[in-house]
């Protein structure tokens, strides 16, 4: 038994291009490159499934801006909570001072 041939991504793309662009049949291309037709079908399926990633929007500037807006919003929320806590602490301290003289 001979060793199994390993194809690079470039070779796989070339083989698939013959089927897709040149209109050759899968069995014709499989015979030409001495591989099983199921291999070509598997590669084509893999290309179509993973090819979706190619068309996804990759705009780091937009995601960075959105992240910065979210951080700013959360910091503002935190600042407001700190203000409320300090007001409540002052009120509590005032009430303790007021009530400590009653005893």
C-alpha atoms as a PDB file:
ATOM      1  CA  UNK A   1       0.000   0.000   0.000  1.00  0.00           C
ATOM      2  CA  UNK A   2       1.297   3.446  -0.929  1.00  0.00           C
ATOM      3  CA  UNK A   3       1.264   6.435   1.293  1.00  0.00           C
ATOM      4  CA  UNK A   4      -1.764   8.666   1.251  1.00  0.00           C
ATOM      5  CA  UNK A   5      -1.277  11.922  -0.666  1.00  0.00           C
ATOM      6  CA  UNK A   6      -1.702  15.090   1.377  1.00  0.00           C
ATOM      7  CA  UNK A   7      -3.079  18.120  -0.430  1.00  0.00           C
ATOM      8  CA  UNK A   8      -2.299  21.680   0.569  1.00  0.00           C
ATOM      9  CA  UNK A   9      -5.134  24.195   0.828  1.00  0.00           C
ATOM     10  CA  UNK A  10      -3.902  25.731  -2.439  1.00  0.00           C
ATOM     11  CA  UNK A  11      -4.067  22.364  -4.203  1.00  0.00           C
ATOM     12  CA  UNK A  12      -7.549  21.710  -2.843  1.00  0.00           C
ATOM     13  CA  UNK A  13      -8.693  25.118  -4.069  1.00  0.00           C
ATOM     14  CA  UNK A  14      -7.215  24.424  -7.510  1.00  0.00           C
ATOM     15  CA  UNK A  15      -9.006  21.064  -7.700  1.00  0.00           C
ATOM     16  CA  UNK A  16     -12.314  22.564  -6.566  1.00  0.00           C
ATOM     17  CA  UNK A  17     -11.916  25.423  -9.035  1.00  0.00           C
ATOM     18  CA  UNK A  18     -11.727  22.897 -11.875  1.00  0.00           C
ATOM     19  CA  UNK A  19     -15.077  21.481 -10.815  1.00  0.00           C
ATOM     20  CA  UNK A  20     -16.815  24.775 -10.087  1.00  0.00           C
ATOM     21  CA  UNK A  21     -15.392  27.210 -12.629  1.00  0.00           C
ATOM     22  CA  UNK A  22     -14.304  24.973 -15.473  1.00  0.00           C
ATOM     23  CA  UNK A  23     -17.455  22.838 -15.259  1.00  0.00           C
ATOM     24  CA  UNK A  24     -15.606  19.542 -15.223  1.00  0.00           C
ATOM     25  CA  UNK A  25     -17.346  16.611 -13.596  1.00  0.00           C
ATOM     26  CA  UNK A  26     -16.284  15.500 -10.139  1.00  0.00           C
ATOM     27  CA  UNK A  27     -15.411  12.013 -11.371  1.00  0.00           C
ATOM     28  CA  UNK A  28     -13.287  13.457 -14.209  1.00  0.00           C
ATOM     29  CA  UNK A  29     -11.304  15.639 -11.809  1.00  0.00           C
ATOM     30  CA  UNK A  30     -11.045  12.818  -9.257  1.00  0.00           C
ATOM     31  CA  UNK A  31      -9.574  10.522 -11.916  1.00  0.00           C
ATOM     32  CA  UNK A  32      -7.144  13.223 -13.038  1.00  0.00           C
ATOM     33  CA  UNK A  33      -5.765  13.703  -9.502  1.00  0.00           C
ATOM     34  CA  UNK A  34      -6.183  10.039  -8.491  1.00  0.00           C
ATOM     35  CA  UNK A  35      -8.462  10.632  -5.532  1.00  0.00           C
ATOM     36  CA  UNK A  36     -11.895   9.469  -4.508  1.00  0.00           C
ATOM     37  CA  UNK A  37     -14.827  11.657  -5.633  1.00  0.00           C
ATOM     38  CA  UNK A  38     -16.095  11.750  -2.046  1.00  0.00           C
ATOM     39  CA  UNK A  39     -12.930  13.687  -1.167  1.00  0.00           C
ATOM     40  CA  UNK A  40     -13.909  16.436  -3.587  1.00  0.00           C
ATOM     41  CA  UNK A  41     -17.468  16.490  -2.266  1.00  0.00           C
ATOM     42  CA  UNK A  42     -16.148  16.706   1.305  1.00  0.00           C
ATOM     43  CA  UNK A  43     -13.821  19.586   0.407  1.00  0.00           C
ATOM     44  CA  UNK A  44     -16.625  21.414  -1.392  1.00  0.00           C
ATOM     45  CA  UNK A  45     -18.934  20.995   1.613  1.00  0.00           C
ATOM     46  CA  UNK A  46     -16.178  22.224   3.927  1.00  0.00           C
ATOM     47  CA  UNK A  47     -15.536  25.236   1.691  1.00  0.00           C
ATOM     48  CA  UNK A  48     -19.200  26.185   1.593  1.00  0.00           C
ATOM     49  CA  UNK A  49     -19.684  25.779   5.352  1.00  0.00           C
ATOM     50  CA  UNK A  50     -16.521  27.592   6.384  1.00  0.00           C
ATOM     51  CA  UNK A  51     -16.732  30.078   3.538  1.00  0.00           C
ATOM     52  CA  UNK A  52     -19.478  31.914   5.433  1.00  0.00           C
ATOM     53  CA  UNK A  53     -16.737  33.379   7.621  1.00  0.00           C
ATOM     54  CA  UNK A  54     -15.392  35.182   4.568  1.00  0.00           C
ATOM     55  CA  UNK A  55     -18.501  37.312   4.279  1.00  0.00           C
ATOM     56  CA  UNK A  56     -18.850  38.252   7.932  1.00  0.00           C
ATOM     57  CA  UNK A  57     -18.277  41.903   8.672  1.00  0.00           C
ATOM     58  CA  UNK A  58     -14.881  42.380  10.214  1.00  0.00           C
ATOM     59  CA  UNK A  59     -14.797  45.985  11.314  1.00  0.00           C
ATOM     60  CA  UNK A  60     -12.711  46.278  14.450  1.00  0.00           C
ATOM     61  CA  UNK A  61     -13.203  50.050  14.487  1.00  0.00           C
ATOM     62  CA  UNK A  62     -16.966  49.607  14.891  1.00  0.00           C
ATOM     63  CA  UNK A  63     -16.681  46.932  17.561  1.00  0.00           C
ATOM     64  CA  UNK A  64     -14.072  49.011  19.382  1.00  0.00           C
ATOM     65  CA  UNK A  65     -16.355  52.060  19.355  1.00  0.00           C
ATOM     66  CA  UNK A  66     -19.268  49.989  20.614  1.00  0.00           C
ATOM     67  CA  UNK A  67     -17.082  48.575  23.373  1.00  0.00           C
ATOM     68  CA  UNK A  68     -15.931  52.065  24.359  1.00  0.00           C
ATOM     69  CA  UNK A  69     -19.548  53.288  24.476  1.00  0.00           C
ATOM     70  CA  UNK A  70     -20.491  50.374  26.691  1.00  0.00           C
ATOM     71  CA  UNK A  71     -17.551  51.059  29.014  1.00  0.00           C
ATOM     72  CA  UNK A  72     -18.493  54.749  29.233  1.00  0.00           C
ATOM     73  CA  UNK A  73     -22.116  53.840  30.014  1.00  0.00           C
ATOM     74  CA  UNK A  74     -21.064  51.406  32.746  1.00  0.00           C
ATOM     75  CA  UNK A  75     -18.640  53.922  34.253  1.00  0.00           C
ATOM     76  CA  UNK A  76     -21.440  56.522  34.372  1.00  0.00           C
ATOM     77  CA  UNK A  77     -23.737  54.007  36.053  1.00  0.00           C
ATOM     78  CA  UNK A  78     -21.026  53.223  38.595  1.00  0.00           C
ATOM     79  CA  UNK A  79     -20.473  56.942  39.274  1.00  0.00           C
ATOM     80  CA  UNK A  80     -24.219  57.412  39.883  1.00  0.00           C
ATOM     81  CA  UNK A  81     -24.289  54.463  42.280  1.00  0.00           C
ATOM     82  CA  UNK A  82     -21.274  55.865  44.146  1.00  0.00           C
ATOM     83  CA  UNK A  83     -23.104  59.185  44.516  1.00  0.00           C
ATOM     84  CA  UNK A  84     -26.193  57.454  45.913  1.00  0.00           C
ATOM     85  CA  UNK A  85     -24.068  55.420  48.334  1.00  0.00           C
ATOM     86  CA  UNK A  86     -22.244  58.532  49.579  1.00  0.00           C
ATOM     87  CA  UNK A  87     -25.561  60.395  50.045  1.00  0.00           C
ATOM     88  CA  UNK A  88     -26.981  57.486  52.016  1.00  0.00           C
ATOM     89  CA  UNK A  89     -23.795  57.228  54.099  1.00  0.00           C
ATOM     90  CA  UNK A  90     -23.954  60.949  54.913  1.00  0.00           C
ATOM     91  CA  UNK A  91     -27.634  60.672  55.847  1.00  0.00           C
ATOM     92  CA  UNK A  92     -26.932  57.650  58.037  1.00  0.00           C
ATOM     93  CA  UNK A  93     -24.046  59.432  59.745  1.00  0.00           C
ATOM     94  CA  UNK A  94     -26.270  62.465  60.379  1.00  0.00           C
ATOM     95  CA  UNK A  95     -29.014  60.292  61.844  1.00  0.00           C
ATOM     96  CA  UNK A  96     -26.526  58.494  64.102  1.00  0.00           C
ATOM     97  CA  UNK A  97     -25.197  61.810  65.414  1.00  0.00           C
ATOM     98  CA  UNK A  98     -28.729  63.106  65.930  1.00  0.00           C
ATOM     99  CA  UNK A  99     -29.898  59.958  67.726  1.00  0.00           C
ATOM    100  CA  UNK A 100     -26.764  59.488  69.838  1.00  0.00           C
ATOM    101  CA  UNK A 101     -27.646  62.557  71.939  1.00  0.00           C
ATOM    102  CA  UNK A 102     -31.145  61.170  72.785  1.00  0.00           C
ATOM    103  CA  UNK A 103     -29.939  58.354  74.990  1.00  0.00           C
END
